Amino acid sequence: MELKFRNVTKSDQRAVEELTREAFWNVYAPGCDEHYLAHLLWQSGALIPELALIAELDGELAGNILYTRAGIVDGQGEEHAVATFGPVSVRPKLQGRGIGQKLIEHSLSLARGMGIPAVFIYGDPDYYRRCGLLPAERFGVRNREGKFAAALQGIELLPGALRGITGRFAEDPVFEIDPAASKEFDRSFPKKEKGYAPSQDRFLELVGMVHD
């Protein structure tokens, strides 16, 4: 397996959206919004272009990952810069071969080299712990609603970068998806049937796993 990484170019953007749609369709809910989020990120000032990456397997677009600027807002209202990633997508026929994990590990190494202090994401802990991420609660970081959330995880890229910093994780407003706009955007793709998948139950379980 010859996996190569490179930056997303403008000519890649539609292909990334298509791949993202295939990767997330019916995973967390019937249909998906992640391809619309990718579309919005191209024009977003929050996107970190150096960390908008593609993984190619034997010349084929196999996966991608996108990073955005984010913050931890402390009790005094001061925002401390961190980053987040997502969507991270792997072509369905290639899933289970470690491509997503390699994308994450490679991009985290690049982020560390850029001086990004820490990364926080929402996702399934059973998967992301393989990439070195820990429950955000260990860092004293809560979600936007002020709760400790099982799905919120993080990693300190620079030693001591989070020392003395606690607060609420804040993503860029670009993540606040308009369902109607997402539905309209999806009309520009071939029709796909929305339906149920067991992974949707796991998503709902994680969403409900919060505490003070």
C-alpha atoms as a PDB file:
ATOM      1  CA  MET A   1       0.000   0.000   0.000  1.00  0.00           C
ATOM      2  CA  GLU A   2       1.687   3.193  -1.196  1.00  0.00           C
ATOM      3  CA  LEU A   3       0.007   6.072   0.625  1.00  0.00           C
ATOM      4  CA  LYS A   4       1.028   9.620  -0.262  1.00  0.00           C
ATOM      5  CA  PHE A   5      -0.087  12.895   1.296  1.00  0.00           C
ATOM      6  CA  ARG A   6      -0.428  16.279  -0.355  1.00  0.00           C
ATOM      7  CA  ASN A   7      -2.291  19.544   0.082  1.00  0.00           C
ATOM      8  CA  VAL A   8      -5.776  20.036  -1.319  1.00  0.00           C
ATOM      9  CA  THR A   9      -5.813  22.276  -4.390  1.00  0.00           C
ATOM     10  CA  LYS A  10      -8.744  24.234  -5.783  1.00  0.00           C
ATOM     11  CA  SER A  11      -9.202  21.629  -8.503  1.00  0.00           C
ATOM     12  CA  ASP A  12      -9.559  18.935  -5.799  1.00  0.00           C
ATOM     13  CA  GLN A  13     -12.376  20.607  -3.930  1.00  0.00           C
ATOM     14  CA  ARG A  14     -15.355  18.990  -5.651  1.00  0.00           C
ATOM     15  CA  ALA A  15     -13.711  15.560  -5.502  1.00  0.00           C
ATOM     16  CA  VAL A  16     -13.138  16.027  -1.772  1.00  0.00           C
ATOM     17  CA  GLU A  17     -16.794  16.959  -1.317  1.00  0.00           C
ATOM     18  CA  GLU A  18     -17.857  13.857  -3.247  1.00  0.00           C
ATOM     19  CA  LEU A  19     -15.576  11.602  -1.210  1.00  0.00           C
ATOM     20  CA  THR A  20     -16.775  13.165   2.039  1.00  0.00           C
ATOM     21  CA  ARG A  21     -20.389  12.584   1.062  1.00  0.00           C
ATOM     22  CA  GLU A  22     -19.686   8.927   0.310  1.00  0.00           C
ATOM     23  CA  ALA A  23     -17.777   8.472   3.575  1.00  0.00           C
ATOM     24  CA  PHE A  24     -20.411  10.030   5.860  1.00  0.00           C
ATOM     25  CA  TRP A  25     -23.680   9.128   4.152  1.00  0.00           C
ATOM     26  CA  ASN A  26     -26.059   7.621   6.760  1.00  0.00           C
ATOM     27  CA  VAL A  27     -23.246   7.270   9.303  1.00  0.00           C
ATOM     28  CA  TYR A  28     -24.419   9.713  11.995  1.00  0.00           C
ATOM     29  CA  ALA A  29     -27.907  10.424  10.680  1.00  0.00           C
ATOM     30  CA  PRO A  30     -29.899   9.688   7.539  1.00  0.00           C
ATOM     31  CA  GLY A  31     -27.936  11.425   4.770  1.00  0.00           C
ATOM     32  CA  CYS A  32     -25.160  13.758   5.902  1.00  0.00           C
ATOM     33  CA  ASP A  33     -24.025  17.392   6.049  1.00  0.00           C
ATOM     34  CA  GLU A  34     -20.265  16.877   6.108  1.00  0.00           C
ATOM     35  CA  HIS A  35     -19.787  17.463   2.371  1.00  0.00           C
ATOM     36  CA  TYR A  36     -21.598  20.787   2.709  1.00  0.00           C
ATOM     37  CA  LEU A  37     -19.333  21.680   5.631  1.00  0.00           C
ATOM     38  CA  ALA A  38     -16.296  20.934   3.451  1.00  0.00           C
ATOM     39  CA  HIS A  39     -17.788  23.194   0.772  1.00  0.00           C
ATOM     40  CA  LEU A  40     -18.186  26.033   3.282  1.00  0.00           C
ATOM     41  CA  LEU A  41     -14.669  25.605   4.602  1.00  0.00           C
ATOM     42  CA  TRP A  42     -13.042  26.427   1.266  1.00  0.00           C
ATOM     43  CA  GLN A  43     -14.145  30.045   1.686  1.00  0.00           C
ATOM     44  CA  SER A  44     -13.836  30.155   5.468  1.00  0.00           C
ATOM     45  CA  GLY A  45     -11.163  32.210   7.144  1.00  0.00           C
ATOM     46  CA  ALA A  46     -11.020  29.501   9.787  1.00  0.00           C
ATOM     47  CA  LEU A  47      -9.565  26.893   7.408  1.00  0.00           C
ATOM     48  CA  ILE A  48      -5.868  26.135   7.889  1.00  0.00           C
ATOM     49  CA  PRO A  49      -4.749  25.585   4.264  1.00  0.00           C
ATOM     50  CA  GLU A  50      -1.468  23.889   5.192  1.00  0.00           C
ATOM     51  CA  LEU A  51      -3.492  21.191   6.952  1.00  0.00           C
ATOM     52  CA  ALA A  52      -6.081  20.643   4.230  1.00  0.00           C
ATOM     53  CA  LEU A  53      -4.701  17.300   3.105  1.00  0.00           C
ATOM     54  CA  ILE A  54      -5.426  14.483   0.705  1.00  0.00           C
ATOM     55  CA  ALA A  55      -4.256  10.900   1.008  1.00  0.00           C
ATOM     56  CA  GLU A  56      -3.657   9.160  -2.305  1.00  0.00           C
ATOM     57  CA  LEU A  57      -3.383   5.378  -2.562  1.00  0.00           C
ATOM     58  CA  ASP A  58      -1.688   4.214  -5.731  1.00  0.00           C
ATOM     59  CA  GLY A  59      -2.711   7.481  -7.399  1.00  0.00           C
ATOM     60  CA  GLU A  60      -6.355   7.305  -6.256  1.00  0.00           C
ATOM     61  CA  LEU A  61      -7.976   9.828  -3.930  1.00  0.00           C
ATOM     62  CA  ALA A  62      -8.394   7.679  -0.819  1.00  0.00           C
ATOM     63  CA  GLY A  63      -9.089  10.148   1.981  1.00  0.00           C
ATOM     64  CA  ASN A  64      -8.859  13.711   3.198  1.00  0.00           C
ATOM     65  CA  ILE A  65      -8.716  15.791   6.342  1.00  0.00           C
ATOM     66  CA  LEU A  66      -9.460  19.477   6.966  1.00  0.00           C
ATOM     67  CA  TYR A  67      -8.336  21.599   9.926  1.00  0.00           C
ATOM     68  CA  THR A  68      -9.776  24.840  11.247  1.00  0.00           C
ATOM     69  CA  ARG A  69      -8.797  27.331  13.891  1.00  0.00           C
ATOM     70  CA  ALA A  70     -10.600  26.970  17.202  1.00  0.00           C
ATOM     71  CA  GLY A  71     -10.217  28.133  20.779  1.00  0.00           C
ATOM     72  CA  ILE A  72     -10.611  27.415  24.461  1.00  0.00           C
ATOM     73  CA  VAL A  73     -12.468  30.239  26.187  1.00  0.00           C
ATOM     74  CA  ASP A  74     -11.462  30.508  29.839  1.00  0.00           C
ATOM     75  CA  GLY A  75     -13.459  31.828  32.782  1.00  0.00           C
ATOM     76  CA  GLN A  76     -12.324  35.399  32.098  1.00  0.00           C
ATOM     77  CA  GLY A  77     -13.534  35.249  28.491  1.00  0.00           C
ATOM     78  CA  GLU A  78     -10.039  35.057  27.022  1.00  0.00           C
ATOM     79  CA  GLU A  79      -9.713  32.724  24.027  1.00  0.00           C
ATOM     80  CA  HIS A  80      -6.654  30.507  23.758  1.00  0.00           C
ATOM     81  CA  ALA A  81      -5.872  29.352  20.236  1.00  0.00           C
ATOM     82  CA  VAL A  82      -6.050  25.652  19.377  1.00  0.00           C
ATOM     83  CA  ALA A  83      -7.157  23.785  16.254  1.00  0.00           C
ATOM     84  CA  THR A  84      -9.745  21.192  15.330  1.00  0.00           C
ATOM     85  CA  PHE A  85     -10.031  18.786  12.430  1.00  0.00           C
ATOM     86  CA  GLY A  86     -12.943  17.443  10.463  1.00  0.00           C
ATOM     87  CA  PRO A  87     -14.328  16.223   8.298  1.00  0.00           C
ATOM     88  CA  VAL A  88     -11.799  13.410   8.044  1.00  0.00           C
ATOM     89  CA  SER A  89     -12.976  11.033   5.347  1.00  0.00           C
ATOM     90  CA  VAL A  90     -11.918   7.741   3.793  1.00  0.00           C
ATOM     91  CA  ARG A  91     -13.445   6.255   0.672  1.00  0.00           C
ATOM     92  CA  PRO A  92     -15.829   3.506   1.865  1.00  0.00           C
ATOM     93  CA  LYS A  93     -14.207   0.689  -0.112  1.00  0.00           C
ATOM     94  CA  LEU A  94     -10.860   1.556   1.498  1.00  0.00           C
ATOM     95  CA  GLN A  95     -12.045   1.876   5.094  1.00  0.00           C
ATOM     96  CA  GLY A  96     -10.560  -0.454   7.670  1.00  0.00           C
ATOM     97  CA  ARG A  97      -7.063  -0.243   6.202  1.00  0.00           C
ATOM     98  CA  GLY A  98      -5.681   2.405   8.564  1.00  0.00           C
ATOM     99  CA  ILE A  99      -5.808   5.270   6.088  1.00  0.00           C
ATOM    100  CA  GLY A 100      -7.779   7.562   8.392  1.00  0.00           C
ATOM    101  CA  GLN A 101      -5.418   6.954  11.296  1.00  0.00           C
ATOM    102  CA  LYS A 102      -2.375   7.621   9.099  1.00  0.00           C
ATOM    103  CA  LEU A 103      -3.973  10.864   7.846  1.00  0.00           C
ATOM    104  CA  ILE A 104      -4.597  11.998  11.405  1.00  0.00           C
ATOM    105  CA  GLU A 105      -1.134  11.074  12.655  1.00  0.00           C
ATOM    106  CA  HIS A 106       0.572  12.724   9.679  1.00  0.00           C
ATOM    107  CA  SER A 107      -1.482  15.901  10.004  1.00  0.00           C
ATOM    108  CA  LEU A 108      -0.923  16.103  13.769  1.00  0.00           C
ATOM    109  CA  SER A 109       2.823  15.907  13.130  1.00  0.00           C
ATOM    110  CA  LEU A 110       2.553  18.764  10.629  1.00  0.00           C
ATOM    111  CA  ALA A 111       0.439  20.776  13.070  1.00  0.00           C
ATOM    112  CA  ARG A 112       3.054  20.284  15.781  1.00  0.00           C
ATOM    113  CA  GLY A 113       5.728  21.527  13.400  1.00  0.00           C
ATOM    114  CA  MET A 114       3.613  24.634  12.706  1.00  0.00           C
ATOM    115  CA  GLY A 115       3.519  25.436  16.413  1.00  0.00           C
ATOM    116  CA  ILE A 116      -0.148  24.625  16.935  1.00  0.00           C
ATOM    117  CA  PRO A 117      -0.338  23.986  20.691  1.00  0.00           C
ATOM    118  CA  ALA A 118      -3.247  21.546  20.877  1.00  0.00           C
ATOM    119  CA  VAL A 119      -6.074  19.976  18.897  1.00  0.00           C
ATOM    120  CA  PHE A 120      -9.585  19.194  20.098  1.00  0.00           C
ATOM    121  CA  ILE A 121     -12.254  17.307  18.168  1.00  0.00           C
ATOM    122  CA  TYR A 122     -15.651  15.675  18.548  1.00  0.00           C
ATOM    123  CA  GLY A 123     -15.696  11.987  17.692  1.00  0.00           C
ATOM    124  CA  ASP A 124     -15.851   8.433  18.958  1.00  0.00           C
ATOM    125  CA  PRO A 125     -13.260   7.893  21.735  1.00  0.00           C
ATOM    126  CA  ASP A 126     -12.933   4.232  20.780  1.00  0.00           C
ATOM    127  CA  TYR A 127     -11.407   5.333  17.476  1.00  0.00           C
ATOM    128  CA  TYR A 128      -9.517   8.504  18.319  1.00  0.00           C
ATOM    129  CA  ARG A 129      -7.638   7.108  21.298  1.00  0.00           C
ATOM    130  CA  ARG A 130      -5.663   5.091  18.727  1.00  0.00           C
ATOM    131  CA  CYS A 131      -4.319   8.419  17.455  1.00  0.00           C
ATOM    132  CA  GLY A 132      -3.262   9.588  20.907  1.00  0.00           C
ATOM    133  CA  LEU A 133      -6.263  11.755  21.743  1.00  0.00           C
ATOM    134  CA  LEU A 134      -7.527  11.823  25.331  1.00  0.00           C
ATOM    135  CA  PRO A 135     -10.838  12.831  26.910  1.00  0.00           C
ATOM    136  CA  ALA A 136     -10.976  16.634  26.986  1.00  0.00           C
ATOM    137  CA  GLU A 137     -12.044  16.361  30.612  1.00  0.00           C
ATOM    138  CA  ARG A 138      -8.449  15.472  31.479  1.00  0.00           C
ATOM    139  CA  PHE A 139      -7.460  18.942  30.304  1.00  0.00           C
ATOM    140  CA  GLY A 140     -10.371  20.659  32.055  1.00  0.00           C
ATOM    141  CA  VAL A 141     -11.988  21.473  28.711  1.00  0.00           C
ATOM    142  CA  ARG A 142     -15.783  21.437  28.423  1.00  0.00           C
ATOM    143  CA  ASN A 143     -18.116  21.777  25.460  1.00  0.00           C
ATOM    144  CA  ARG A 144     -19.795  25.034  24.467  1.00  0.00           C
ATOM    145  CA  GLU A 145     -22.631  24.312  26.914  1.00  0.00           C
ATOM    146  CA  GLY A 146     -20.187  24.003  29.816  1.00  0.00           C
ATOM    147  CA  LYS A 147     -20.447  20.203  30.128  1.00  0.00           C
ATOM    148  CA  PHE A 148     -17.786  17.540  30.048  1.00  0.00           C
ATOM    149  CA  ALA A 149     -18.585  15.519  26.933  1.00  0.00           C
ATOM    150  CA  ALA A 150     -17.426  11.984  26.149  1.00  0.00           C
ATOM    151  CA  ALA A 151     -17.222  12.826  22.451  1.00  0.00           C
ATOM    152  CA  LEU A 152     -14.892  15.797  23.042  1.00  0.00           C
ATOM    153  CA  GLN A 153     -11.258  14.759  22.959  1.00  0.00           C
ATOM    154  CA  GLY A 154      -7.944  16.499  22.678  1.00  0.00           C
ATOM    155  CA  ILE A 155      -4.209  16.213  22.373  1.00  0.00           C
ATOM    156  CA  GLU A 156      -1.477  18.568  23.555  1.00  0.00           C
ATOM    157  CA  LEU A 157       1.002  18.924  20.692  1.00  0.00           C
ATOM    158  CA  LEU A 158       3.488  21.190  22.466  1.00  0.00           C
ATOM    159  CA  PRO A 159       4.511  20.082  25.973  1.00  0.00           C
ATOM    160  CA  GLY A 160       2.884  22.227  28.639  1.00  0.00           C
ATOM    161  CA  ALA A 161       0.833  24.202  26.119  1.00  0.00           C
ATOM    162  CA  LEU A 162      -2.397  23.659  28.073  1.00  0.00           C
ATOM    163  CA  ARG A 163      -0.937  24.113  31.533  1.00  0.00           C
ATOM    164  CA  GLY A 164      -3.223  26.414  33.498  1.00  0.00           C
ATOM    165  CA  ILE A 165      -5.752  26.668  30.652  1.00  0.00           C
ATOM    166  CA  THR A 166      -9.263  25.386  31.240  1.00  0.00           C
ATOM    167  CA  GLY A 167     -12.570  26.455  29.763  1.00  0.00           C
ATOM    168  CA  ARG A 168     -15.004  25.823  26.945  1.00  0.00           C
ATOM    169  CA  PHE A 169     -14.071  24.538  23.523  1.00  0.00           C
ATOM    170  CA  ALA A 170     -15.245  26.911  20.792  1.00  0.00           C
ATOM    171  CA  GLU A 171     -15.419  25.934  17.131  1.00  0.00           C
ATOM    172  CA  ASP A 172     -15.770  28.494  14.373  1.00  0.00           C
ATOM    173  CA  PRO A 173     -19.395  29.451  13.508  1.00  0.00           C
ATOM    174  CA  VAL A 174     -18.913  27.740  10.110  1.00  0.00           C
ATOM    175  CA  PHE A 175     -19.780  24.485  11.917  1.00  0.00           C
ATOM    176  CA  GLU A 176     -23.300  25.740  12.594  1.00  0.00           C
ATOM    177  CA  ILE A 177     -24.851  24.152   9.526  1.00  0.00           C
ATOM    178  CA  ASP A 178     -28.113  25.446   8.049  1.00  0.00           C
ATOM    179  CA  PRO A 179     -30.077  22.229   7.308  1.00  0.00           C
ATOM    180  CA  ALA A 180     -32.047  23.835   4.478  1.00  0.00           C
ATOM    181  CA  ALA A 181     -28.894  25.118   2.792  1.00  0.00           C
ATOM    182  CA  SER A 182     -27.233  21.725   3.197  1.00  0.00           C
ATOM    183  CA  LYS A 183     -30.239  19.998   1.637  1.00  0.00           C
ATOM    184  CA  GLU A 184     -30.188  22.379  -1.322  1.00  0.00           C
ATOM    185  CA  PHE A 185     -26.440  21.854  -1.810  1.00  0.00           C
ATOM    186  CA  ASP A 186     -26.938  18.094  -1.811  1.00  0.00           C
ATOM    187  CA  ARG A 187     -29.207  18.421  -4.837  1.00  0.00           C
ATOM    188  CA  SER A 188     -26.081  19.083  -6.924  1.00  0.00           C
ATOM    189  CA  PHE A 189     -24.949  15.484  -6.319  1.00  0.00           C
ATOM    190  CA  PRO A 190     -26.400  12.213  -7.628  1.00  0.00           C
ATOM    191  CA  LYS A 191     -29.413  11.145  -5.603  1.00  0.00           C
ATOM    192  CA  LYS A 192     -28.732   8.762  -2.709  1.00  0.00           C
ATOM    193  CA  GLU A 193     -31.234   7.081  -0.424  1.00  0.00           C
ATOM    194  CA  LYS A 194     -31.239   8.186   3.181  1.00  0.00           C
ATOM    195  CA  GLY A 195     -31.565   5.413   5.722  1.00  0.00           C
ATOM    196  CA  TYR A 196     -30.658   3.875   9.053  1.00  0.00           C
ATOM    197  CA  ALA A 197     -27.286   2.469  10.096  1.00  0.00           C
ATOM    198  CA  PRO A 198     -26.268   1.109  13.547  1.00  0.00           C
ATOM    199  CA  SER A 199     -23.576   3.799  13.761  1.00  0.00           C
ATOM    200  CA  GLN A 200     -26.387   6.326  14.199  1.00  0.00           C
ATOM    201  CA  ASP A 201     -27.256   4.730  17.551  1.00  0.00           C
ATOM    202  CA  ARG A 202     -23.645   5.038  18.687  1.00  0.00           C
ATOM    203  CA  PHE A 203     -23.658   8.711  17.695  1.00  0.00           C
ATOM    204  CA  LEU A 204     -26.802   9.381  19.734  1.00  0.00           C
ATOM    205  CA  GLU A 205     -25.280   7.519  22.668  1.00  0.00           C
ATOM    206  CA  LEU A 206     -22.156   9.698  22.570  1.00  0.00           C
ATOM    207  CA  VAL A 207     -24.159  12.915  22.235  1.00  0.00           C
ATOM    208  CA  GLY A 208     -25.974  12.007  25.446  1.00  0.00           C
ATOM    209  CA  MET A 209     -22.813  11.228  27.420  1.00  0.00           C
ATOM    210  CA  VAL A 210     -22.237  14.570  29.149  1.00  0.00           C
ATOM    211  CA  HIS A 211     -21.902  15.627  32.784  1.00  0.00           C
ATOM    212  CA  ASP A 212     -21.113  18.683  34.880  1.00  0.00           C
END
